[in-house]
Every structure is written in C-alpha cells, then in structure tokens.
Amino acid sequence: QVQLVESGGGLVQAGGSLRLSCVASGRTHTMGWLRQPPGKEREFVAGISWSGGSSNYADSVKGRFTISRDNDKNTVYLQMDSLKPEDTAVYYCAAGRSAVWNKVYDYWGQGTQVTVSS
C-alpha cells in the first residue's frame, strides 16, 4: 500500500510560479500529477519513471511545468511556471506500477488546491 501526501498549493497571480511536492510512503514506481479543474473531469498533467529518465506531459503544460523526483526522499515535485488561470484545479499526486507512458495510476493523494488569478 502506498500513501501520498501533497503540499505546496496556494493562490498565485497569472505568470507566477508554484512548486508542488508529494511525499510517498511505501515503494513507488511511476509517479505523476493529475488535476481536476472546477466542473471538469480529472486530467493527466505529468508523469515520471522510477529512475527519472523518462517523463511525459500534457500538451497544455509542456514547456511550463517540470516533474522531477528524489528517490532518497521518496518525493516527487511539480515545478509550475508561467501559470495561467486555466491551470486552476485541485492537483493530485499519483503512483502506479505501470510504465510511465501508459498514464495508469493505482494510488492517489488527497489533492492540493492551486488557484491562479488573472
């Protein structure tokens, strides 16, 4: 069983930056971030392999967001730059046993709110 705890969300102005962190307990493989904007379905944001050698991103965040991980700390990060109002969402950390390109996750955190004001 894997437990995930996110932190780092908050309110930021458009163009600003935030860094989300997620600490995992238990062995993790692929990790990722997904988000759920208000009134919409949850969507994939970014994923990273266990080694950190492979990652993927949603088209909407490519070039603005960067996912990374520190396995010594069992932590995955999401650096979010050039934030836009449409990035407003609850962001969820996720972990899974499948390869990163499958975008399939088995465990979820409780989420952290990110609000970007215009």
N, C-alpha and C. Protein backbone atom coordinates (compact mmCIF):
# COMPACT_ATOMS: atom_id res chain seq x y z
N GLN A 1 0.84 -1.18 0.00
CA GLN A 1 0.00 0.00 0.00
C GLN A 1 0.89 1.24 0.00
N VAL A 2 0.53 2.22 -0.80
CA VAL A 2 1.29 3.46 -0.91
C VAL A 2 0.40 4.61 -0.45
N GLN A 3 0.93 5.44 0.41
CA GLN A 3 0.21 6.65 0.81
C GLN A 3 0.96 7.86 0.29
N LEU A 4 0.22 8.84 -0.20
CA LEU A 4 0.78 10.02 -0.85
C LEU A 4 0.23 11.27 -0.18
N VAL A 5 1.12 12.20 0.14
CA VAL A 5 0.70 13.45 0.77
C VAL A 5 1.28 14.62 -0.01
N GLU A 6 0.38 15.44 -0.56
CA GLU A 6 0.80 16.59 -1.36
C GLU A 6 0.92 17.84 -0.49
N SER A 7 1.73 18.77 -0.96
CA SER A 7 1.81 20.09 -0.34
C SER A 7 2.28 21.09 -1.39
N GLY A 8 2.12 22.38 -1.07
CA GLY A 8 2.65 23.41 -1.95
C GLY A 8 1.63 24.17 -2.75
N GLY A 9 0.37 23.79 -2.67
CA GLY A 9 -0.65 24.52 -3.40
C GLY A 9 -0.89 25.89 -2.81
N GLY A 10 -1.68 26.70 -3.51
CA GLY A 10 -2.00 28.03 -2.99
C GLY A 10 -2.55 28.92 -4.06
N LEU A 11 -2.57 30.21 -3.76
CA LEU A 11 -3.07 31.23 -4.67
C LEU A 11 -1.89 31.99 -5.26
N VAL A 12 -1.89 32.15 -6.57
CA VAL A 12 -0.80 32.85 -7.25
C VAL A 12 -1.38 33.65 -8.40
N GLN A 13 -0.72 34.73 -8.75
CA GLN A 13 -1.16 35.52 -9.90
C GLN A 13 -0.69 34.88 -11.19
N ALA A 14 -1.41 35.17 -12.25
CA ALA A 14 -1.02 34.67 -13.57
C ALA A 14 0.41 35.10 -13.88
N GLY A 15 1.17 34.17 -14.45
CA GLY A 15 2.57 34.42 -14.73
C GLY A 15 3.51 34.00 -13.61
N GLY A 16 2.95 33.68 -12.47
CA GLY A 16 3.76 33.29 -11.32
C GLY A 16 4.11 31.81 -11.34
N SER A 17 4.75 31.38 -10.24
CA SER A 17 5.22 30.01 -10.13
C SER A 17 4.80 29.40 -8.79
N LEU A 18 4.68 28.09 -8.80
CA LEU A 18 4.47 27.31 -7.58
C LEU A 18 5.21 25.99 -7.75
N ARG A 19 5.60 25.40 -6.64
CA ARG A 19 6.18 24.05 -6.67
C ARG A 19 5.39 23.15 -5.74
N LEU A 20 4.84 22.11 -6.32
CA LEU A 20 4.13 21.11 -5.54
C LEU A 20 5.09 19.99 -5.16
N SER A 21 4.87 19.44 -3.97
CA SER A 21 5.65 18.31 -3.50
C SER A 21 4.71 17.19 -3.09
N CYS A 22 5.20 15.98 -3.19
CA CYS A 22 4.41 14.82 -2.79
C CYS A 22 5.35 13.80 -2.16
N VAL A 23 5.09 13.50 -0.91
CA VAL A 23 5.89 12.51 -0.20
C VAL A 23 5.15 11.18 -0.19
N ALA A 24 5.84 10.14 -0.56
CA ALA A 24 5.24 8.81 -0.63
C ALA A 24 5.77 7.92 0.48
N SER A 25 4.87 7.13 1.03
CA SER A 25 5.28 6.07 1.96
C SER A 25 5.05 4.75 1.26
N GLY A 26 6.02 3.89 1.31
CA GLY A 26 5.91 2.66 0.57
C GLY A 26 6.66 2.75 -0.75
N ARG A 27 6.86 1.59 -1.34
CA ARG A 27 7.62 1.54 -2.58
C ARG A 27 6.81 2.10 -3.75
N THR A 28 7.42 2.97 -4.51
CA THR A 28 6.73 3.56 -5.66
C THR A 28 7.49 3.25 -6.93
N HIS A 29 6.81 3.29 -8.03
CA HIS A 29 7.42 3.10 -9.34
C HIS A 29 7.19 4.37 -10.14
N THR A 30 6.32 4.33 -11.12
CA THR A 30 5.94 5.53 -11.84
C THR A 30 5.17 6.46 -10.91
N MET A 31 5.47 7.74 -11.01
CA MET A 31 4.70 8.73 -10.24
C MET A 31 4.24 9.82 -11.19
N GLY A 32 3.21 10.51 -10.78
CA GLY A 32 2.69 11.54 -11.66
C GLY A 32 1.83 12.54 -10.94
N TRP A 33 1.38 13.51 -11.71
CA TRP A 33 0.45 14.52 -11.23
C TRP A 33 -0.74 14.58 -12.20
N LEU A 34 -1.90 14.65 -11.63
CA LEU A 34 -3.12 14.88 -12.38
C LEU A 34 -3.83 16.05 -11.74
N ARG A 35 -4.81 16.61 -12.44
CA ARG A 35 -5.55 17.73 -11.89
C ARG A 35 -7.01 17.67 -12.29
N GLN A 36 -7.83 18.31 -11.48
CA GLN A 36 -9.25 18.38 -11.77
C GLN A 36 -9.70 19.83 -11.68
N PRO A 37 -9.88 20.48 -12.83
CA PRO A 37 -10.37 21.86 -12.82
C PRO A 37 -11.82 21.91 -12.34
N PRO A 38 -12.28 23.05 -11.91
CA PRO A 38 -13.67 23.16 -11.43
C PRO A 38 -14.67 22.74 -12.51
N GLY A 39 -15.56 21.84 -12.17
CA GLY A 39 -16.61 21.42 -13.08
C GLY A 39 -16.15 20.51 -14.21
N LYS A 40 -14.90 20.06 -14.15
CA LYS A 40 -14.38 19.21 -15.23
C LYS A 40 -13.87 17.89 -14.68
N GLU A 41 -13.55 16.99 -15.57
CA GLU A 41 -13.02 15.69 -15.17
C GLU A 41 -11.52 15.80 -14.86
N ARG A 42 -11.06 14.82 -14.11
CA ARG A 42 -9.64 14.77 -13.80
C ARG A 42 -8.84 14.52 -15.08
N GLU A 43 -7.69 15.19 -15.20
CA GLU A 43 -6.87 15.05 -16.40
C GLU A 43 -5.41 14.88 -16.04
N PHE A 44 -4.72 14.19 -16.92
CA PHE A 44 -3.29 13.93 -16.74
C PHE A 44 -2.51 15.24 -16.91
N VAL A 45 -1.47 15.42 -16.07
CA VAL A 45 -0.60 16.58 -16.19
C VAL A 45 0.82 16.16 -16.56
N ALA A 46 1.40 15.27 -15.74
CA ALA A 46 2.79 14.87 -15.98
C ALA A 46 3.08 13.56 -15.26
N GLY A 47 4.02 12.80 -15.80
CA GLY A 47 4.42 11.55 -15.17
C GLY A 47 5.92 11.37 -15.29
N ILE A 48 6.49 10.56 -14.37
CA ILE A 48 7.92 10.33 -14.38
C ILE A 48 8.20 8.90 -13.96
N SER A 49 9.17 8.29 -14.62
CA SER A 49 9.54 6.91 -14.31
C SER A 49 10.30 6.83 -13.00
N TRP A 50 10.50 5.61 -12.49
CA TRP A 50 11.17 5.45 -11.21
C TRP A 50 12.58 6.05 -11.25
N SER A 51 13.28 5.82 -12.34
CA SER A 51 14.65 6.32 -12.45
C SER A 51 14.71 7.81 -12.70
N GLY A 52 13.60 8.38 -13.14
CA GLY A 52 13.60 9.79 -13.54
C GLY A 52 14.07 9.99 -14.96
N GLY A 53 14.41 8.91 -15.64
CA GLY A 53 14.94 9.03 -17.00
C GLY A 53 13.89 9.28 -18.06
N SER A 54 12.64 8.97 -17.74
CA SER A 54 11.55 9.19 -18.70
C SER A 54 10.46 10.01 -18.04
N SER A 55 9.91 10.93 -18.79
CA SER A 55 8.80 11.73 -18.29
C SER A 55 7.89 12.10 -19.46
N ASN A 56 6.67 12.43 -19.14
CA ASN A 56 5.75 12.89 -20.17
C ASN A 56 4.84 13.96 -19.59
N TYR A 57 4.28 14.76 -20.48
CA TYR A 57 3.49 15.91 -20.09
C TYR A 57 2.26 16.05 -20.96
N ALA A 58 1.23 16.63 -20.41
CA ALA A 58 0.09 17.06 -21.21
C ALA A 58 0.54 18.21 -22.10
N ASP A 59 -0.05 18.29 -23.28
CA ASP A 59 0.33 19.37 -24.21
C ASP A 59 0.11 20.74 -23.59
N SER A 60 -0.89 20.85 -22.76
CA SER A 60 -1.25 22.15 -22.20
C SER A 60 -0.22 22.69 -21.21
N VAL A 61 0.68 21.84 -20.73
CA VAL A 61 1.66 22.29 -19.74
C VAL A 61 3.10 22.15 -20.22
N LYS A 62 3.30 21.57 -21.39
CA LYS A 62 4.66 21.40 -21.90
C LYS A 62 5.38 22.73 -22.00
N GLY A 63 6.61 22.76 -21.53
CA GLY A 63 7.40 23.98 -21.57
C GLY A 63 7.17 24.89 -20.38
N ARG A 64 6.15 24.61 -19.58
CA ARG A 64 5.86 25.45 -18.40
C ARG A 64 6.02 24.67 -17.10
N PHE A 65 5.70 23.38 -17.13
CA PHE A 65 5.77 22.55 -15.92
C PHE A 65 6.92 21.57 -16.05
N THR A 66 7.53 21.24 -14.92
CA THR A 66 8.60 20.26 -14.89
C THR A 66 8.39 19.30 -13.72
N ILE A 67 8.37 18.01 -14.04
CA ILE A 67 8.24 17.00 -13.00
C ILE A 67 9.63 16.43 -12.70
N SER A 68 9.87 16.17 -11.42
CA SER A 68 11.14 15.58 -11.01
C SER A 68 10.90 14.74 -9.76
N ARG A 69 11.89 13.95 -9.38
CA ARG A 69 11.73 13.14 -8.18
C ARG A 69 13.07 12.95 -7.49
N ASP A 70 12.98 12.71 -6.20
CA ASP A 70 14.14 12.42 -5.38
C ASP A 70 13.82 11.12 -4.64
N ASN A 71 14.36 10.02 -5.11
CA ASN A 71 14.01 8.72 -4.53
C ASN A 71 14.57 8.54 -3.13
N ASP A 72 15.65 9.25 -2.81
CA ASP A 72 16.18 9.17 -1.44
C ASP A 72 15.18 9.75 -0.44
N LYS A 73 14.38 10.71 -0.91
CA LYS A 73 13.38 11.35 -0.05
C LYS A 73 11.98 10.84 -0.33
N ASN A 74 11.85 9.90 -1.25
CA ASN A 74 10.52 9.39 -1.64
C ASN A 74 9.59 10.53 -2.01
N THR A 75 10.09 11.47 -2.75
CA THR A 75 9.34 12.68 -3.05
C THR A 75 9.34 12.97 -4.55
N VAL A 76 8.20 13.39 -5.05
CA VAL A 76 8.09 13.85 -6.43
C VAL A 76 7.65 15.31 -6.40
N TYR A 77 8.13 16.07 -7.34
CA TYR A 77 7.86 17.50 -7.40
C TYR A 77 7.20 17.87 -8.73
N LEU A 78 6.46 18.96 -8.70
CA LEU A 78 5.95 19.55 -9.93
C LEU A 78 6.23 21.05 -9.86
N GLN A 79 7.20 21.48 -10.64
CA GLN A 79 7.52 22.90 -10.74
C GLN A 79 6.61 23.50 -11.81
N MET A 80 5.83 24.48 -11.42
CA MET A 80 4.87 25.09 -12.33
C MET A 80 5.24 26.55 -12.53
N ASP A 81 5.60 26.89 -13.74
CA ASP A 81 5.99 28.26 -14.10
C ASP A 81 5.00 28.83 -15.12
N SER A 82 5.03 30.14 -15.26
CA SER A 82 4.15 30.82 -16.23
C SER A 82 2.71 30.35 -16.07
N LEU A 83 2.25 30.34 -14.85
CA LEU A 83 0.91 29.84 -14.57
C LEU A 83 -0.16 30.70 -15.21
N LYS A 84 -1.23 30.01 -15.62
CA LYS A 84 -2.37 30.66 -16.28
C LYS A 84 -3.63 30.39 -15.45
N PRO A 85 -4.63 31.25 -15.59
CA PRO A 85 -5.89 30.99 -14.86
C PRO A 85 -6.46 29.61 -15.16
N GLU A 86 -6.28 29.11 -16.36
CA GLU A 86 -6.80 27.79 -16.71
C GLU A 86 -6.05 26.64 -16.04
N ASP A 87 -4.98 26.95 -15.34
CA ASP A 87 -4.28 25.93 -14.54
C ASP A 87 -4.95 25.74 -13.17
N THR A 88 -5.91 26.56 -12.86
CA THR A 88 -6.62 26.44 -11.60
C THR A 88 -7.29 25.07 -11.50
N ALA A 89 -6.99 24.36 -10.43
CA ALA A 89 -7.51 22.99 -10.27
C ALA A 89 -7.06 22.44 -8.93
N VAL A 90 -7.65 21.32 -8.57
CA VAL A 90 -7.09 20.51 -7.49
C VAL A 90 -6.07 19.56 -8.13
N TYR A 91 -4.87 19.59 -7.61
CA TYR A 91 -3.79 18.77 -8.16
C TYR A 91 -3.58 17.55 -7.28
N TYR A 92 -3.53 16.40 -7.93
CA TYR A 92 -3.38 15.13 -7.23
C TYR A 92 -2.06 14.47 -7.59
N CYS A 93 -1.38 14.02 -6.59
CA CYS A 93 -0.21 13.17 -6.78
C CYS A 93 -0.68 11.73 -6.96
N ALA A 94 0.02 10.98 -7.80
CA ALA A 94 -0.39 9.60 -8.06
C ALA A 94 0.84 8.72 -8.22
N ALA A 95 0.65 7.45 -7.92
CA ALA A 95 1.73 6.47 -8.09
C ALA A 95 1.14 5.22 -8.74
N GLY A 96 1.96 4.56 -9.54
CA GLY A 96 1.46 3.39 -10.22
C GLY A 96 2.56 2.40 -10.55
N ARG A 97 2.14 1.18 -10.86
CA ARG A 97 3.07 0.12 -11.20
C ARG A 97 3.32 0.03 -12.70
N SER A 98 2.50 0.69 -13.49
CA SER A 98 2.61 0.62 -14.94
C SER A 98 3.71 1.56 -15.45
N ALA A 99 4.16 1.31 -16.66
CA ALA A 99 5.17 2.19 -17.25
C ALA A 99 4.63 3.60 -17.43
N VAL A 100 5.52 4.57 -17.40
CA VAL A 100 5.12 5.98 -17.37
C VAL A 100 4.28 6.35 -18.59
N TRP A 101 4.56 5.75 -19.75
CA TRP A 101 3.82 6.15 -20.96
C TRP A 101 2.38 5.64 -20.95
N ASN A 102 2.04 4.72 -20.07
CA ASN A 102 0.67 4.21 -20.00
C ASN A 102 -0.27 5.16 -19.26
N LYS A 103 0.27 6.03 -18.43
CA LYS A 103 -0.52 7.01 -17.68
C LYS A 103 -1.60 6.32 -16.84
N VAL A 104 -1.24 5.21 -16.26
CA VAL A 104 -2.17 4.46 -15.41
C VAL A 104 -1.63 4.49 -13.98
N TYR A 105 -2.49 4.90 -13.04
CA TYR A 105 -2.06 5.08 -11.66
C TYR A 105 -2.97 4.31 -10.72
N ASP A 106 -2.37 3.78 -9.65
CA ASP A 106 -3.09 2.93 -8.72
C ASP A 106 -3.35 3.58 -7.37
N TYR A 107 -2.56 4.57 -7.03
CA TYR A 107 -2.68 5.21 -5.72
C TYR A 107 -2.76 6.73 -5.92
N TRP A 108 -3.50 7.36 -5.03
CA TRP A 108 -3.77 8.79 -5.16
C TRP A 108 -3.63 9.50 -3.83
N GLY A 109 -3.16 10.75 -3.90
CA GLY A 109 -3.19 11.59 -2.72
C GLY A 109 -4.54 12.26 -2.59
N GLN A 110 -4.68 13.09 -1.58
CA GLN A 110 -5.96 13.75 -1.33
C GLN A 110 -6.12 15.04 -2.10
N GLY A 111 -5.05 15.53 -2.68
CA GLY A 111 -5.14 16.70 -3.52
C GLY A 111 -4.75 17.99 -2.82
N THR A 112 -4.28 18.94 -3.62
CA THR A 112 -3.94 20.27 -3.11
C THR A 112 -4.46 21.30 -4.12
N GLN A 113 -5.07 22.35 -3.60
CA GLN A 113 -5.71 23.35 -4.46
C GLN A 113 -4.67 24.33 -5.00
N VAL A 114 -4.74 24.56 -6.29
CA VAL A 114 -3.95 25.61 -6.94
C VAL A 114 -4.92 26.57 -7.62
N THR A 115 -4.82 27.83 -7.25
CA THR A 115 -5.69 28.86 -7.82
C THR A 115 -4.82 29.93 -8.45
N VAL A 116 -5.06 30.20 -9.73
CA VAL A 116 -4.30 31.22 -10.45
C VAL A 116 -5.25 32.36 -10.80
N SER A 117 -4.95 33.54 -10.28
CA SER A 117 -5.81 34.69 -10.53
C SER A 117 -5.31 35.47 -11.74
N SER A 118 -6.25 36.08 -12.44
CA SER A 118 -5.89 36.84 -13.66
C SER A 118 -5.57 38.28 -13.33
